[in-house]
C-alpha atoms as a PDB file:
ATOM      1  CA  UNK A   1     111.220  87.188 115.808  1.00  0.00           C
ATOM      2  CA  UNK A   2     111.360  90.948 115.391  1.00  0.00           C
ATOM      3  CA  UNK A   3     109.124  92.023 112.529  1.00  0.00           C
ATOM      4  CA  UNK A   4     109.055  95.495 111.057  1.00  0.00           C
ATOM      5  CA  UNK A   5     105.695  97.213 111.358  1.00  0.00           C
ATOM      6  CA  UNK A   6     104.500 100.622 110.278  1.00  0.00           C
ATOM      7  CA  UNK A   7     101.576 102.007 112.254  1.00  0.00           C
ATOM      8  CA  UNK A   8      99.578 105.168 111.754  1.00  0.00           C
ATOM      9  CA  UNK A   9      96.818 106.465 113.988  1.00  0.00           C
ATOM     10  CA  UNK A  10      94.313 109.256 113.649  1.00  0.00           C
ATOM     11  CA  UNK A  11      93.940 112.084 116.179  1.00  0.00           C
ATOM     12  CA  UNK A  12      90.204 111.576 115.758  1.00  0.00           C
ATOM     13  CA  UNK A  13      90.141 107.772 115.738  1.00  0.00           C
ATOM     14  CA  UNK A  14      86.505 106.809 115.221  1.00  0.00           C
ATOM     15  CA  UNK A  15      86.804 103.160 114.211  1.00  0.00           C
ATOM     16  CA  UNK A  16      87.017 100.330 116.727  1.00  0.00           C
ATOM     17  CA  UNK A  17      88.406  97.741 114.297  1.00  0.00           C
ATOM     18  CA  UNK A  18      92.103  98.021 113.405  1.00  0.00           C
ATOM     19  CA  UNK A  19      93.272  97.290 109.855  1.00  0.00           C
ATOM     20  CA  UNK A  20      96.248  95.023 109.177  1.00  0.00           C
ATOM     21  CA  UNK A  21      97.921  95.211 105.763  1.00  0.00           C
ATOM     22  CA  UNK A  22      99.819  92.235 104.279  1.00  0.00           C
ATOM     23  CA  UNK A  23     102.170  92.772 101.338  1.00  0.00           C
ATOM     24  CA  UNK A  24     102.845  90.502  98.393  1.00  0.00           C
ATOM     25  CA  UNK A  25     105.948  88.864  96.923  1.00  0.00           C
ATOM     26  CA  UNK A  26     109.154  90.915  96.894  1.00  0.00           C
ATOM     27  CA  UNK A  27     107.504  93.844  98.734  1.00  0.00           C
ATOM     28  CA  UNK A  28     107.454  95.077 102.346  1.00  0.00           C
ATOM     29  CA  UNK A  29     105.353  97.244 104.654  1.00  0.00           C
ATOM     30  CA  UNK A  30     106.635 100.291 102.747  1.00  0.00           C
ATOM     31  CA  UNK A  31     104.270  99.637  99.834  1.00  0.00           C
ATOM     32  CA  UNK A  32     101.247 100.417 102.035  1.00  0.00           C
ATOM     33  CA  UNK A  33     102.743 103.494 103.671  1.00  0.00           C
ATOM     34  CA  UNK A  34     102.938 105.456 100.430  1.00  0.00           C
ATOM     35  CA  UNK A  35      99.193 106.061 100.187  1.00  0.00           C
ATOM     36  CA  UNK A  36      96.964 103.518 101.915  1.00  0.00           C
ATOM     37  CA  UNK A  37      98.079 103.877 105.539  1.00  0.00           C
ATOM     38  CA  UNK A  38      97.712 107.687 105.560  1.00  0.00           C
ATOM     39  CA  UNK A  39      94.346 107.437 103.778  1.00  0.00           C
ATOM     40  CA  UNK A  40      92.789 104.983 106.223  1.00  0.00           C
ATOM     41  CA  UNK A  41      94.304 106.699 109.250  1.00  0.00           C
ATOM     42  CA  UNK A  42      92.739 109.955 108.078  1.00  0.00           C
ATOM     43  CA  UNK A  43      89.434 108.103 107.930  1.00  0.00           C
ATOM     44  CA  UNK A  44      89.603 107.155 111.597  1.00  0.00           C
ATOM     45  CA  UNK A  45      91.337 103.759 111.576  1.00  0.00           C
ATOM     46  CA  UNK A  46      94.267 102.418 113.550  1.00  0.00           C
ATOM     47  CA  UNK A  47      96.328 100.953 110.694  1.00  0.00           C
ATOM     48  CA  UNK A  48      99.350  98.660 110.717  1.00  0.00           C
ATOM     49  CA  UNK A  49     101.398  97.120 107.914  1.00  0.00           C
ATOM     50  CA  UNK A  50     103.982  94.420 108.548  1.00  0.00           C
ATOM     51  CA  UNK A  51     107.017  93.267 106.633  1.00  0.00           C
ATOM     52  CA  UNK A  52     107.096  89.465 106.497  1.00  0.00           C
ATOM     53  CA  UNK A  53     110.230  87.732 107.791  1.00  0.00           C
ATOM     54  CA  UNK A  54     113.329  88.608 105.782  1.00  0.00           C
ATOM     55  CA  UNK A  55     111.541  91.418 103.955  1.00  0.00           C
ATOM     56  CA  UNK A  56     112.448  95.102 104.269  1.00  0.00           C
ATOM     57  CA  UNK A  57     113.327  95.728 107.946  1.00  0.00           C
ATOM     58  CA  UNK A  58     112.209  92.401 109.430  1.00  0.00           C
ATOM     59  CA  UNK A  59     114.472  89.761 110.927  1.00  0.00           C
ATOM     60  CA  UNK A  60     114.582  86.212 109.594  1.00  0.00           C
ATOM     61  CA  UNK A  61     115.338  84.561 106.294  1.00  0.00           C
ATOM     62  CA  UNK A  62     113.340  84.588 103.095  1.00  0.00           C
ATOM     63  CA  UNK A  63     115.031  81.463 101.757  1.00  0.00           C
ATOM     64  CA  UNK A  64     113.176  78.383 102.949  1.00  0.00           C
ATOM     65  CA  UNK A  65     110.207  80.290 104.341  1.00  0.00           C
ATOM     66  CA  UNK A  66     106.813  78.722 103.751  1.00  0.00           C
ATOM     67  CA  UNK A  67     103.304  80.109 103.537  1.00  0.00           C
ATOM     68  CA  UNK A  68     102.740  78.725 107.042  1.00  0.00           C
ATOM     69  CA  UNK A  69     105.728  80.764 108.256  1.00  0.00           C
ATOM     70  CA  UNK A  70     104.305  83.924 106.707  1.00  0.00           C
ATOM     71  CA  UNK A  71     100.903  83.244 108.278  1.00  0.00           C
ATOM     72  CA  UNK A  72     102.651  82.971 111.657  1.00  0.00           C
ATOM     73  CA  UNK A  73     104.138  86.418 111.050  1.00  0.00           C
ATOM     74  CA  UNK A  74     100.678  87.857 110.453  1.00  0.00           C
ATOM     75  CA  UNK A  75      99.348  86.105 113.561  1.00  0.00           C
ATOM     76  CA  UNK A  76     102.233  87.506 115.621  1.00  0.00           C
ATOM     77  CA  UNK A  77     101.411  91.082 114.635  1.00  0.00           C
ATOM     78  CA  UNK A  78      97.632  90.605 114.835  1.00  0.00           C
ATOM     79  CA  UNK A  79      97.976  89.504 118.475  1.00  0.00           C
ATOM     80  CA  UNK A  80      99.540  92.852 119.354  1.00  0.00           C
ATOM     81  CA  UNK A  81      96.422  94.729 118.260  1.00  0.00           C
ATOM     82  CA  UNK A  82      93.632  95.540 120.738  1.00  0.00           C
ATOM     83  CA  UNK A  83      90.951  93.621 118.840  1.00  0.00           C
ATOM     84  CA  UNK A  84      90.978  91.167 115.904  1.00  0.00           C
ATOM     85  CA  UNK A  85      91.837  93.224 112.806  1.00  0.00           C
ATOM     86  CA  UNK A  86      90.282  93.302 109.382  1.00  0.00           C
ATOM     87  CA  UNK A  87      92.963  92.213 106.930  1.00  0.00           C
ATOM     88  CA  UNK A  88      93.875  93.764 103.595  1.00  0.00           C
ATOM     89  CA  UNK A  89      96.216  91.586 101.523  1.00  0.00           C
ATOM     90  CA  UNK A  90      97.827  92.160  98.138  1.00  0.00           C
ATOM     91  CA  UNK A  91      98.880  89.390  95.726  1.00  0.00           C
ATOM     92  CA  UNK A  92     100.673  86.726  97.806  1.00  0.00           C
ATOM     93  CA  UNK A  93      99.489  88.736 100.816  1.00  0.00           C
ATOM     94  CA  UNK A  94      95.934  88.063  99.673  1.00  0.00           C
ATOM     95  CA  UNK A  95      96.668  84.344  99.694  1.00  0.00           C
ATOM     96  CA  UNK A  96      98.251  84.659 103.154  1.00  0.00           C
ATOM     97  CA  UNK A  97      95.127  86.501 104.269  1.00  0.00           C
ATOM     98  CA  UNK A  98      92.980  83.593 103.099  1.00  0.00           C
ATOM     99  CA  UNK A  99      95.212  81.114 104.946  1.00  0.00           C
ATOM    100  CA  UNK A 100      95.097  83.283 108.088  1.00  0.00           C
ATOM    101  CA  UNK A 101      91.301  83.321 107.924  1.00  0.00           C
ATOM    102  CA  UNK A 102      91.161  79.525 107.827  1.00  0.00           C
ATOM    103  CA  UNK A 103      91.769  79.459 111.594  1.00  0.00           C
ATOM    104  CA  UNK A 104      91.622  83.033 112.895  1.00  0.00           C
ATOM    105  CA  UNK A 105      88.498  85.157 113.434  1.00  0.00           C
ATOM    106  CA  UNK A 106      88.279  88.520 111.703  1.00  0.00           C
ATOM    107  CA  UNK A 107      85.479  90.972 110.939  1.00  0.00           C
ATOM    108  CA  UNK A 108      86.427  90.947 107.262  1.00  0.00           C
ATOM    109  CA  UNK A 109      89.138  90.751 104.645  1.00  0.00           C
ATOM    110  CA  UNK A 110      90.008  92.513 101.405  1.00  0.00           C
ATOM    111  CA  UNK A 111      91.935  90.757  98.627  1.00  0.00           C
ATOM    112  CA  UNK A 112      93.765  93.026  96.152  1.00  0.00           C
ATOM    113  CA  UNK A 113      95.009  91.397  92.939  1.00  0.00           C
ATOM    114  CA  UNK A 114      95.231  88.278  95.068  1.00  0.00           C
ATOM    115  CA  UNK A 115      96.657  84.882  94.325  1.00  0.00           C
ATOM    116  CA  UNK A 116      93.496  82.755  94.065  1.00  0.00           C
ATOM    117  CA  UNK A 117      92.791  79.957  96.551  1.00  0.00           C
ATOM    118  CA  UNK A 118      93.854  77.413  93.919  1.00  0.00           C
ATOM    119  CA  UNK A 119      97.354  78.880  93.591  1.00  0.00           C
ATOM    120  CA  UNK A 120      99.711  80.451  91.070  1.00  0.00           C
ATOM    121  CA  UNK A 121      99.568  78.203  88.023  1.00  0.00           C
ATOM    122  CA  UNK A 122      97.933  81.026  86.085  1.00  0.00           C
ATOM    123  CA  UNK A 123     100.572  83.542  87.136  1.00  0.00           C
ATOM    124  CA  UNK A 124     103.338  81.073  86.315  1.00  0.00           C
ATOM    125  CA  UNK A 125     101.918  80.694  82.819  1.00  0.00           C
ATOM    126  CA  UNK A 126     101.860  84.475  82.393  1.00  0.00           C
ATOM    127  CA  UNK A 127     105.539  84.718  83.366  1.00  0.00           C
ATOM    128  CA  UNK A 128     106.385  81.901  80.945  1.00  0.00           C
ATOM    129  CA  UNK A 129     104.574  83.605  78.063  1.00  0.00           C
ATOM    130  CA  UNK A 130     106.297  86.902  78.800  1.00  0.00           C
ATOM    131  CA  UNK A 131     109.800  85.492  79.313  1.00  0.00           C
ATOM    132  CA  UNK A 132     110.484  81.731  79.234  1.00  0.00           C
ATOM    133  CA  UNK A 133     114.101  82.423  80.209  1.00  0.00           C
ATOM    134  CA  UNK A 134     112.947  84.154  83.409  1.00  0.00           C
ATOM    135  CA  UNK A 135     110.913  81.131  84.468  1.00  0.00           C
ATOM    136  CA  UNK A 136     113.819  78.843  83.596  1.00  0.00           C
ATOM    137  CA  UNK A 137     116.078  80.900  85.894  1.00  0.00           C
ATOM    138  CA  UNK A 138     113.504  80.661  88.694  1.00  0.00           C
ATOM    139  CA  UNK A 139     113.274  76.886  88.373  1.00  0.00           C
ATOM    140  CA  UNK A 140     117.034  76.295  88.114  1.00  0.00           C
ATOM    141  CA  UNK A 141     118.185  78.843  90.721  1.00  0.00           C
ATOM    142  CA  UNK A 142     115.400  77.983  93.221  1.00  0.00           C
ATOM    143  CA  UNK A 143     114.708  81.666  93.850  1.00  0.00           C
ATOM    144  CA  UNK A 144     112.192  84.188  92.568  1.00  0.00           C
ATOM    145  CA  UNK A 145     114.467  87.208  92.186  1.00  0.00           C
ATOM    146  CA  UNK A 146     114.787  86.750  88.381  1.00  0.00           C
ATOM    147  CA  UNK A 147     111.150  87.835  87.955  1.00  0.00           C
ATOM    148  CA  UNK A 148     112.036  91.369  89.135  1.00  0.00           C
ATOM    149  CA  UNK A 149     115.747  91.408  88.293  1.00  0.00           C
ATOM    150  CA  UNK A 150     115.645  94.546  86.155  1.00  0.00           C
ATOM    151  CA  UNK A 151     113.371  97.615  86.241  1.00  0.00           C
ATOM    152  CA  UNK A 152     111.518  96.808  83.038  1.00  0.00           C
ATOM    153  CA  UNK A 153     110.588  93.369  84.359  1.00  0.00           C
ATOM    154  CA  UNK A 154     109.321  95.086  87.492  1.00  0.00           C
ATOM    155  CA  UNK A 155     107.230  97.386  85.294  1.00  0.00           C
ATOM    156  CA  UNK A 156     105.767  94.411  83.437  1.00  0.00           C
ATOM    157  CA  UNK A 157     104.909  92.564  86.636  1.00  0.00           C
ATOM    158  CA  UNK A 158     103.506  95.406  88.726  1.00  0.00           C
ATOM    159  CA  UNK A 159     102.856  98.676  86.921  1.00  0.00           C
ATOM    160  CA  UNK A 160     101.093 100.286  83.982  1.00  0.00           C
ATOM    161  CA  UNK A 161     103.046 101.136  80.845  1.00  0.00           C
ATOM    162  CA  UNK A 162     102.851 104.845  81.626  1.00  0.00           C
ATOM    163  CA  UNK A 163     103.998 104.529  85.222  1.00  0.00           C
ATOM    164  CA  UNK A 164     106.629 107.255  85.863  1.00  0.00           C
ATOM    165  CA  UNK A 165     110.191 105.997  85.478  1.00  0.00           C
ATOM    166  CA  UNK A 166     111.462 107.744  88.597  1.00  0.00           C
ATOM    167  CA  UNK A 167     108.817 106.061  90.731  1.00  0.00           C
ATOM    168  CA  UNK A 168     109.530 102.724  89.063  1.00  0.00           C
ATOM    169  CA  UNK A 169     113.206 103.011  89.970  1.00  0.00           C
ATOM    170  CA  UNK A 170     112.331 104.031  93.521  1.00  0.00           C
ATOM    171  CA  UNK A 171     110.178 100.956  94.093  1.00  0.00           C
ATOM    172  CA  UNK A 172     112.429  98.583  92.165  1.00  0.00           C
ATOM    173  CA  UNK A 173     115.319  99.312  94.532  1.00  0.00           C
ATOM    174  CA  UNK A 174     113.133  98.357  97.519  1.00  0.00           C
ATOM    175  CA  UNK A 175     112.253  94.873  96.255  1.00  0.00           C
ATOM    176  CA  UNK A 176     113.535  91.734  97.999  1.00  0.00           C
ATOM    177  CA  UNK A 177     114.158  88.228  96.770  1.00  0.00           C
ATOM    178  CA  UNK A 178     111.286  85.828  97.463  1.00  0.00           C
ATOM    179  CA  UNK A 179     111.035  82.293  98.808  1.00  0.00           C
ATOM    180  CA  UNK A 180     111.026  79.388  96.374  1.00  0.00           C
ATOM    181  CA  UNK A 181     109.657  77.188  99.171  1.00  0.00           C
ATOM    182  CA  UNK A 182     106.667  79.511  99.430  1.00  0.00           C
ATOM    183  CA  UNK A 183     106.231  79.292  95.648  1.00  0.00           C
ATOM    184  CA  UNK A 184     105.946  75.505  95.907  1.00  0.00           C
ATOM    185  CA  UNK A 185     103.180  75.994  98.480  1.00  0.00           C
ATOM    186  CA  UNK A 186     101.329  78.183  95.982  1.00  0.00           C
ATOM    187  CA  UNK A 187     101.742  75.527  93.299  1.00  0.00           C
ATOM    188  CA  UNK A 188      99.933  72.993  95.456  1.00  0.00           C
ATOM    189  CA  UNK A 189     101.727  72.086  98.681  1.00  0.00           C
ATOM    190  CA  UNK A 190      99.549  74.340 100.856  1.00  0.00           C
ATOM    191  CA  UNK A 191      96.496  75.695  99.080  1.00  0.00           C
ATOM    192  CA  UNK A 192      93.464  77.300 100.743  1.00  0.00           C
ATOM    193  CA  UNK A 193      90.650  75.262 102.249  1.00  0.00           C
ATOM    194  CA  UNK A 194      87.856  77.606 101.156  1.00  0.00           C
ATOM    195  CA  UNK A 195      85.211  76.091 103.418  1.00  0.00           C
ATOM    196  CA  UNK A 196      87.238  77.110 106.476  1.00  0.00           C
ATOM    197  CA  UNK A 197      87.195  80.802 105.538  1.00  0.00           C
ATOM    198  CA  UNK A 198      84.162  82.300 107.273  1.00  0.00           C
ATOM    199  CA  UNK A 199      84.921  86.035 107.257  1.00  0.00           C
ATOM    200  CA  UNK A 200      83.241  88.220 104.624  1.00  0.00           C
ATOM    201  CA  UNK A 201      85.570  89.189 101.790  1.00  0.00           C
ATOM    202  CA  UNK A 202      85.871  91.915  99.178  1.00  0.00           C
ATOM    203  CA  UNK A 203      87.800  90.836  96.073  1.00  0.00           C
ATOM    204  CA  UNK A 204      89.353  93.513  93.848  1.00  0.00           C
ATOM    205  CA  UNK A 205      91.376  93.233  90.665  1.00  0.00           C
ATOM    206  CA  UNK A 206      93.112  95.336  88.022  1.00  0.00           C
ATOM    207  CA  UNK A 207      92.149  95.301  84.348  1.00  0.00           C
ATOM    208  CA  UNK A 208      95.761  95.360  83.115  1.00  0.00           C
ATOM    209  CA  UNK A 209      97.252  93.015  85.707  1.00  0.00           C
ATOM    210  CA  UNK A 210     100.030  91.000  84.037  1.00  0.00           C
ATOM    211  CA  UNK A 211     100.168  88.204  86.603  1.00  0.00           C
ATOM    212  CA  UNK A 212      96.687  87.759  88.122  1.00  0.00           C
ATOM    213  CA  UNK A 213      94.171  87.439  85.312  1.00  0.00           C
ATOM    214  CA  UNK A 214      90.747  89.057  85.594  1.00  0.00           C
ATOM    215  CA  UNK A 215      89.198  85.600  85.334  1.00  0.00           C
ATOM    216  CA  UNK A 216      91.129  84.505  88.412  1.00  0.00           C
ATOM    217  CA  UNK A 217      89.863  87.535  90.333  1.00  0.00           C
ATOM    218  CA  UNK A 218      86.299  86.583  89.472  1.00  0.00           C
ATOM    219  CA  UNK A 219      86.943  82.922  90.318  1.00  0.00           C
ATOM    220  CA  UNK A 220      88.215  83.954  93.753  1.00  0.00           C
ATOM    221  CA  UNK A 221      85.094  86.047  94.295  1.00  0.00           C
ATOM    222  CA  UNK A 222      82.857  83.134  93.272  1.00  0.00           C
ATOM    223  CA  UNK A 223      84.705  80.804  95.644  1.00  0.00           C
ATOM    224  CA  UNK A 224      83.665  82.996  98.579  1.00  0.00           C
ATOM    225  CA  UNK A 225      80.433  84.431  97.190  1.00  0.00           C
ATOM    226  CA  UNK A 226      82.150  87.787  97.606  1.00  0.00           C
ATOM    227  CA  UNK A 227      81.568  91.227  96.174  1.00  0.00           C
ATOM    228  CA  UNK A 228      84.088  91.994  93.439  1.00  0.00           C
ATOM    229  CA  UNK A 229      85.253  94.775  91.163  1.00  0.00           C
ATOM    230  CA  UNK A 230      87.935  95.026  88.483  1.00  0.00           C
ATOM    231  CA  UNK A 231      89.427  98.510  88.115  1.00  0.00           C
ATOM    232  CA  UNK A 232      90.171  99.827  84.608  1.00  0.00           C
ATOM    233  CA  UNK A 233      93.432 101.562  83.677  1.00  0.00           C
ATOM    234  CA  UNK A 234      95.279  99.845  86.501  1.00  0.00           C
ATOM    235  CA  UNK A 235      97.975  97.185  86.889  1.00  0.00           C
ATOM    236  CA  UNK A 236      98.970  94.727  89.616  1.00  0.00           C
ATOM    237  CA  UNK A 237     100.264  97.084  92.332  1.00  0.00           C
ATOM    238  CA  UNK A 238      96.878  98.654  92.950  1.00  0.00           C
ATOM    239  CA  UNK A 239      98.037 100.443  96.109  1.00  0.00           C
ATOM    240  CA  UNK A 240     100.809 102.276  94.222  1.00  0.00           C
ATOM    241  CA  UNK A 241      99.240 102.922  90.827  1.00  0.00           C
ATOM    242  CA  UNK A 242      97.944 106.388  89.874  1.00  0.00           C
ATOM    243  CA  UNK A 243      94.362 105.316  90.587  1.00  0.00           C
ATOM    244  CA  UNK A 244      95.094 104.032  94.096  1.00  0.00           C
ATOM    245  CA  UNK A 245      92.562 106.378  95.695  1.00  0.00           C
ATOM    246  CA  UNK A 246      89.619 104.854  93.812  1.00  0.00           C
ATOM    247  CA  UNK A 247      90.645 101.453  95.200  1.00  0.00           C
ATOM    248  CA  UNK A 248      91.016 102.825  98.734  1.00  0.00           C
ATOM    249  CA  UNK A 249      87.614 104.505  98.515  1.00  0.00           C
ATOM    250  CA  UNK A 250      85.996 101.253  97.381  1.00  0.00           C
ATOM    251  CA  UNK A 251      87.515  99.453 100.365  1.00  0.00           C
ATOM    252  CA  UNK A 252      86.380 102.226 102.709  1.00  0.00           C
ATOM    253  CA  UNK A 253      82.838 102.043 101.327  1.00  0.00           C
ATOM    254  CA  UNK A 254      82.774  98.261 101.832  1.00  0.00           C
ATOM    255  CA  UNK A 255      84.068  98.584 105.386  1.00  0.00           C
ATOM    256  CA  UNK A 256      81.396 101.205 106.096  1.00  0.00           C
ATOM    257  CA  UNK A 257      78.656  98.973 104.690  1.00  0.00           C
ATOM    258  CA  UNK A 258      79.738  96.206 107.052  1.00  0.00           C
ATOM    259  CA  UNK A 259      80.091  98.506 110.056  1.00  0.00           C
ATOM    260  CA  UNK A 260      83.823  97.800 110.317  1.00  0.00           C
END
């Protein structure tokens, strides 16, 4: 299957470990190329972001895709890299990263506003409290598009209240539908076996995240005995929010500490 990837390299590449970026629900590789890919390339890394099947420019169907299918997509791209990459996953991409690490070696992983290893019951409750009708549409239409159907719902799910409207509209138009089958996996059909994850992890969260509660971020960190930090004045899409650079610098510092 042909998967869209975006790769950036540095003229003065000084890092031996490539970085592979995995997006969350409704997104694509584009969300990393705004700020994170240029930042890490400028700091000497070979960086690649993929769009999961059916997302953005990738072939395949979203409908019916499972978490296992998405993990296969990550494995497919990882195999094209010269050495096993460190993974950086956001939201659902953080969960996919955990599943990938169950059976694939990696020097490390970073989880941004990640779905916890025990799934999305907390996030589902947040959507219900915000808009019961939205959750009803999801459960009756068997698709996740209703969660981001209009720009203001996208703002609630991903961005701070003061996020610029023009940027909100730009990103909203890029969003895909998302797999209901995958959602069932996150409710319990295919959760993470934490004991199988051996790679060191950094777990980061956002203070004003509407869908992944700060308590879930800390619970994920405890599950892996991982370093964690919750960033103030920031919402769910940490790689696109105004404070993205502070998040990128924290990741860079952690990678440096581990010699990655």
